[in-house]
N, C-alpha and C. Protein backbone atom coordinates (compact mmCIF):
# COMPACT_ATOMS: atom_id res chain seq x y z
N MET A 1 49.24 38.18 -14.89
CA MET A 1 48.30 39.40 -14.82
C MET A 1 48.53 40.20 -13.71
N THR A 2 48.57 41.53 -13.82
CA THR A 2 48.98 42.38 -12.91
C THR A 2 47.69 42.70 -11.89
N ASN A 3 48.03 43.21 -10.74
CA ASN A 3 46.97 43.40 -9.69
C ASN A 3 46.09 44.62 -10.27
N LEU A 4 44.76 44.37 -10.26
CA LEU A 4 43.82 45.30 -10.95
C LEU A 4 43.18 45.98 -9.71
N PRO A 5 42.91 47.33 -9.87
CA PRO A 5 41.97 48.09 -8.94
C PRO A 5 40.48 47.36 -9.20
N LEU A 6 39.76 47.39 -7.99
CA LEU A 6 38.51 46.50 -7.94
C LEU A 6 37.62 47.29 -7.01
N ASN A 7 36.38 47.00 -7.20
CA ASN A 7 35.34 47.49 -6.32
C ASN A 7 34.68 46.31 -5.60
N ALA A 8 34.63 45.14 -6.00
CA ALA A 8 34.22 43.95 -5.27
C ALA A 8 34.99 42.74 -5.77
N ILE A 9 34.83 41.66 -5.07
CA ILE A 9 35.30 40.45 -5.49
C ILE A 9 34.28 39.35 -5.22
N ARG A 10 34.42 38.33 -6.13
CA ARG A 10 33.49 37.10 -5.99
C ARG A 10 34.36 35.81 -5.26
N LEU A 11 33.87 35.29 -4.45
CA LEU A 11 34.74 34.21 -3.82
C LEU A 11 33.84 32.85 -3.88
N ARG A 12 34.34 31.93 -4.71
CA ARG A 12 33.52 30.76 -4.77
C ARG A 12 34.33 29.73 -4.28
N LYS A 13 33.57 28.83 -3.57
CA LYS A 13 34.22 27.46 -3.11
C LYS A 13 34.35 26.74 -4.28
N LEU A 14 35.35 26.00 -4.63
CA LEU A 14 35.56 25.02 -5.67
C LEU A 14 35.16 23.63 -5.39
N GLY A 15 34.92 22.83 -6.38
CA GLY A 15 34.72 21.31 -6.03
C GLY A 15 33.24 21.03 -5.59
N ASP A 16 32.40 22.12 -5.38
CA ASP A 16 30.99 21.83 -4.92
C ASP A 16 30.18 22.70 -5.90
N GLY A 17 29.48 22.03 -6.81
CA GLY A 17 28.56 22.73 -7.89
C GLY A 17 27.47 23.52 -7.15
N ASP A 18 27.15 23.17 -5.98
CA ASP A 18 26.00 23.82 -5.33
C ASP A 18 26.55 25.02 -4.45
N ALA A 19 27.98 25.23 -4.25
CA ALA A 19 28.47 26.22 -3.37
C ALA A 19 28.01 27.58 -3.83
N PRO A 20 27.68 28.40 -2.84
CA PRO A 20 27.41 29.66 -3.06
C PRO A 20 28.57 30.56 -3.47
N GLU A 21 28.23 31.71 -4.18
CA GLU A 21 29.34 32.73 -4.53
C GLU A 21 29.09 33.77 -3.34
N TYR A 22 30.35 34.32 -2.90
CA TYR A 22 30.08 35.35 -1.95
C TYR A 22 30.64 36.61 -2.66
N PHE A 23 29.78 37.68 -2.69
CA PHE A 23 30.20 38.89 -3.20
C PHE A 23 30.69 39.83 -2.17
N ILE A 24 32.02 40.08 -2.02
CA ILE A 24 32.55 40.79 -0.86
C ILE A 24 32.79 42.21 -1.23
N LEU A 25 32.19 43.14 -0.31
CA LEU A 25 32.26 44.67 -0.59
C LEU A 25 32.83 45.39 0.64
N LEU A 26 33.10 44.70 1.63
CA LEU A 26 33.64 45.19 2.86
C LEU A 26 35.23 45.47 2.65
N LYS A 27 35.69 46.36 3.33
CA LYS A 27 37.05 46.70 3.45
C LYS A 27 37.88 45.59 3.94
N GLU A 28 37.25 44.98 5.10
CA GLU A 28 37.87 43.97 5.89
C GLU A 28 36.99 42.91 6.16
N LEU A 29 37.27 41.55 6.01
CA LEU A 29 36.52 40.55 6.09
C LEU A 29 37.17 39.39 6.87
N ASP A 30 36.79 38.99 8.09
CA ASP A 30 37.12 37.87 8.78
C ASP A 30 36.62 36.54 8.21
N ILE A 31 37.41 35.48 8.11
CA ILE A 31 37.07 34.19 7.62
C ILE A 31 37.52 33.27 8.63
N GLY A 32 36.64 32.34 8.92
CA GLY A 32 36.89 31.29 9.81
C GLY A 32 35.70 30.35 10.08
N SER A 33 35.96 29.32 10.98
CA SER A 33 34.79 28.42 11.08
C SER A 33 33.86 28.84 12.21
N ALA A 34 34.15 29.81 12.99
CA ALA A 34 33.22 30.52 14.03
C ALA A 34 32.22 31.12 13.17
N GLU A 35 30.89 31.04 13.77
CA GLU A 35 29.79 31.72 13.19
C GLU A 35 29.68 33.05 13.44
N THR A 36 30.57 33.70 14.19
CA THR A 36 30.62 35.18 14.47
C THR A 36 31.39 35.81 13.20
N ASN A 37 32.02 34.89 12.33
CA ASN A 37 32.65 35.71 11.22
C ASN A 37 31.68 35.86 10.19
N PRO A 38 31.92 37.08 9.54
CA PRO A 38 31.00 37.52 8.34
C PRO A 38 30.99 36.25 7.20
N LEU A 39 32.28 35.73 6.98
CA LEU A 39 32.33 34.52 5.97
C LEU A 39 32.65 33.28 6.81
N CYS A 40 31.68 32.35 7.32
CA CYS A 40 31.96 31.29 8.16
C CYS A 40 32.08 30.09 7.22
N LEU A 41 33.16 29.41 7.42
CA LEU A 41 33.39 28.01 6.64
C LEU A 41 33.43 27.05 7.72
N PRO A 42 32.40 26.35 7.98
CA PRO A 42 32.21 25.44 9.07
C PRO A 42 32.99 24.11 8.76
N CYS A 43 34.18 24.15 8.67
CA CYS A 43 35.10 22.91 8.44
C CYS A 43 36.12 22.65 9.61
N GLU A 44 36.34 21.33 9.80
CA GLU A 44 37.03 20.95 10.97
C GLU A 44 38.59 21.49 10.89
N ASP A 45 39.07 21.66 9.57
CA ASP A 45 40.46 22.03 9.50
C ASP A 45 40.60 23.54 8.95
N VAL A 46 39.53 24.31 9.40
CA VAL A 46 39.59 25.70 9.42
C VAL A 46 39.43 26.31 10.62
N SER A 47 40.37 27.20 11.09
CA SER A 47 40.41 27.70 12.35
C SER A 47 39.28 28.74 12.65
N GLU A 48 38.85 28.81 13.99
CA GLU A 48 37.83 29.71 14.23
C GLU A 48 38.08 31.07 13.61
N LEU A 49 39.08 31.77 13.80
CA LEU A 49 39.47 32.90 13.05
C LEU A 49 40.74 32.66 12.20
N HIS A 50 40.49 32.27 10.80
CA HIS A 50 41.65 31.46 10.13
C HIS A 50 42.36 32.63 9.23
N ALA A 51 41.61 33.54 8.50
CA ALA A 51 42.23 34.53 7.59
C ALA A 51 41.54 35.84 7.70
N LYS A 52 42.00 36.73 6.98
CA LYS A 52 41.31 37.99 6.81
C LYS A 52 41.68 38.56 5.54
N LEU A 53 40.50 39.01 4.73
CA LEU A 53 40.69 39.72 3.43
C LEU A 53 40.62 41.26 3.82
N VAL A 54 41.59 41.92 3.16
CA VAL A 54 41.56 43.39 3.55
C VAL A 54 41.61 44.18 2.11
N MET A 55 40.79 45.12 1.93
CA MET A 55 40.82 45.87 0.73
C MET A 55 41.61 47.31 1.15
N HIS A 56 42.68 47.43 0.22
CA HIS A 56 43.55 48.65 0.52
C HIS A 56 43.92 49.32 -0.76
N ASN A 57 43.72 50.50 -0.91
CA ASN A 57 44.09 51.27 -2.17
C ASN A 57 43.75 50.46 -3.35
N GLY A 58 42.48 49.89 -3.39
CA GLY A 58 42.09 49.22 -4.56
C GLY A 58 42.78 47.59 -4.85
N ARG A 59 43.30 47.29 -3.84
CA ARG A 59 44.02 46.04 -4.00
C ARG A 59 43.45 45.09 -2.88
N LEU A 60 43.31 44.00 -3.15
CA LEU A 60 42.76 42.88 -2.05
C LEU A 60 44.05 42.10 -1.67
N ARG A 61 44.08 42.14 -0.29
CA ARG A 61 45.17 41.30 0.30
C ARG A 61 44.47 40.13 1.24
N ILE A 62 45.11 38.94 1.30
CA ILE A 62 44.69 38.02 2.36
C ILE A 62 45.89 37.79 3.38
N ALA A 63 45.47 37.81 4.59
CA ALA A 63 46.35 37.60 5.87
C ALA A 63 46.11 36.32 6.35
N ASP A 64 47.02 35.49 6.67
CA ASP A 64 47.01 34.29 7.55
C ASP A 64 47.05 34.83 8.93
N LEU A 65 46.19 34.20 9.88
CA LEU A 65 46.17 34.62 11.34
C LEU A 65 46.86 33.78 12.08
N GLY A 66 47.72 32.93 11.64
CA GLY A 66 48.57 32.01 12.45
C GLY A 66 47.82 30.69 12.70
N THR A 67 47.15 30.22 11.65
CA THR A 67 46.53 28.99 11.64
C THR A 67 47.40 27.70 11.59
N GLY A 68 47.00 26.71 12.06
CA GLY A 68 47.67 25.41 11.96
C GLY A 68 47.69 24.72 10.68
N GLU A 69 46.67 24.81 9.97
CA GLU A 69 46.38 24.18 8.71
C GLU A 69 47.07 25.14 7.61
N GLY A 70 46.96 26.38 7.85
CA GLY A 70 47.51 27.32 6.85
C GLY A 70 46.69 27.93 5.87
N THR A 71 47.03 29.07 5.32
CA THR A 71 46.41 29.66 4.30
C THR A 71 47.28 29.53 3.00
N TRP A 72 46.91 29.24 1.87
CA TRP A 72 47.62 28.89 0.83
C TRP A 72 46.97 29.74 -0.45
N VAL A 73 47.99 30.28 -1.22
CA VAL A 73 47.62 31.17 -2.34
C VAL A 73 48.31 30.41 -3.59
N ASN A 74 47.52 29.92 -4.67
CA ASN A 74 48.07 29.34 -5.84
C ASN A 74 49.11 28.14 -5.34
N GLY A 75 48.87 27.52 -4.31
CA GLY A 75 49.67 26.29 -3.98
C GLY A 75 50.79 26.74 -3.05
N GLU A 76 50.92 27.90 -2.79
CA GLU A 76 52.06 28.33 -1.83
C GLU A 76 51.58 28.85 -0.44
N ARG A 77 52.13 28.19 0.51
CA ARG A 77 51.57 28.55 1.96
C ARG A 77 52.20 29.78 2.30
N LEU A 78 51.34 30.59 2.97
CA LEU A 78 51.68 31.98 3.50
C LEU A 78 52.34 31.60 4.96
N PRO A 79 53.38 32.24 5.20
CA PRO A 79 53.96 32.14 6.62
C PRO A 79 52.87 32.75 7.61
N PRO A 80 52.81 32.08 8.79
CA PRO A 80 51.79 32.53 9.66
C PRO A 80 51.89 34.20 9.85
N HIS A 81 50.86 34.83 10.06
CA HIS A 81 50.73 36.24 10.46
C HIS A 81 51.44 37.14 9.28
N THR A 82 51.31 36.61 7.95
CA THR A 82 51.75 37.43 6.93
C THR A 82 50.58 37.68 5.94
N SER A 83 50.65 38.48 4.88
CA SER A 83 49.68 38.74 3.99
C SER A 83 50.14 38.74 2.56
N LYS A 84 49.31 38.65 1.65
CA LYS A 84 49.87 38.60 0.21
C LYS A 84 48.58 39.34 -0.76
N THR A 85 49.19 40.00 -1.75
CA THR A 85 48.21 40.67 -2.57
C THR A 85 47.65 39.59 -3.53
N LEU A 86 46.32 39.77 -3.63
CA LEU A 86 45.63 38.73 -4.53
C LEU A 86 45.33 39.17 -5.86
N LYS A 87 45.49 38.42 -6.97
CA LYS A 87 45.06 38.79 -8.30
C LYS A 87 43.91 37.91 -8.68
N ASN A 88 43.44 38.49 -9.83
CA ASN A 88 42.17 37.93 -10.43
C ASN A 88 42.46 36.47 -10.80
N GLU A 89 41.49 35.44 -10.37
CA GLU A 89 41.60 34.01 -10.71
C GLU A 89 42.64 33.31 -9.68
N ASP A 90 43.10 34.15 -8.67
CA ASP A 90 43.93 33.31 -7.54
C ASP A 90 43.20 32.31 -7.02
N GLN A 91 43.74 31.19 -6.74
CA GLN A 91 43.19 30.17 -6.03
C GLN A 91 43.67 30.09 -4.47
N LEU A 92 42.75 30.09 -3.64
CA LEU A 92 42.90 30.20 -2.15
C LEU A 92 42.65 28.74 -1.61
N TRP A 93 43.39 28.28 -0.59
CA TRP A 93 43.16 27.19 0.16
C TRP A 93 43.14 27.65 1.71
N LEU A 94 41.95 27.44 2.44
CA LEU A 94 41.99 27.61 3.93
C LEU A 94 41.74 26.33 4.61
N GLY A 95 42.71 25.67 5.00
CA GLY A 95 42.53 24.30 5.41
C GLY A 95 42.54 23.44 3.98
N SER A 96 41.50 22.67 3.89
CA SER A 96 41.00 21.91 2.71
C SER A 96 39.98 22.54 1.91
N THR A 97 39.59 23.82 2.38
CA THR A 97 38.63 24.56 1.52
C THR A 97 39.27 25.27 0.45
N ASN A 98 38.94 25.03 -0.77
CA ASN A 98 39.50 25.61 -2.06
C ASN A 98 38.53 26.63 -2.59
N ALA A 99 38.99 27.79 -2.85
CA ALA A 99 38.09 28.82 -3.44
C ALA A 99 38.88 29.80 -4.46
N VAL A 100 38.20 30.30 -5.35
CA VAL A 100 38.84 31.12 -6.42
C VAL A 100 38.32 32.53 -6.19
N ILE A 101 39.15 33.54 -6.38
CA ILE A 101 39.00 35.00 -6.34
C ILE A 101 38.63 35.43 -7.75
N ARG A 102 37.68 36.14 -7.92
CA ARG A 102 37.32 36.79 -9.24
C ARG A 102 36.92 38.17 -8.98
N TYR A 103 37.44 39.05 -9.82
CA TYR A 103 37.23 40.50 -9.64
C TYR A 103 35.98 40.80 -10.26
N VAL A 104 35.19 41.71 -9.71
CA VAL A 104 33.91 42.32 -10.40
C VAL A 104 34.21 43.66 -10.78
N PRO A 105 34.10 43.90 -12.07
CA PRO A 105 34.36 45.53 -12.56
C PRO A 105 33.31 46.28 -12.13
N LYS A 106 33.59 47.56 -11.90
CA LYS A 106 32.72 48.39 -11.29
C LYS A 106 31.37 48.54 -12.31
N LYS A 107 31.47 48.44 -13.52
CA LYS A 107 30.48 48.46 -14.53
C LYS A 107 29.45 47.59 -14.17
N ASN A 108 29.95 46.24 -13.86
CA ASN A 108 28.89 45.11 -13.62
C ASN A 108 28.37 45.19 -12.22
N MET A 109 28.61 46.29 -11.46
CA MET A 109 27.96 46.28 -10.28
C MET A 109 26.83 47.35 -10.18
N GLU A 110 26.66 48.17 -11.32
CA GLU A 110 25.76 49.30 -11.26
C GLU A 110 24.36 48.65 -11.77
């Protein structure tokens, strides 16, 4: 699947039926275990500031911020301090936290 322009994404933690879905509308979003992050994942293997989601020109990218446990996209570890464009249904791992990215078409947001 090609990269799609998007207006929002849904991020849902996998493996936990009661996990909330996060609708992300910000241009940048810090993710980590620190409570000061807009998206806090309070897990031992998630760094205080682990990754950043960045919306640029209608595309969503994830950047690893030099973490020990790593940021993984579809089973491939991102080298520290690099980023990758995400596609619909991409699977993310931040430490052992697994989540899926789902695009939300603009018509579903109105």
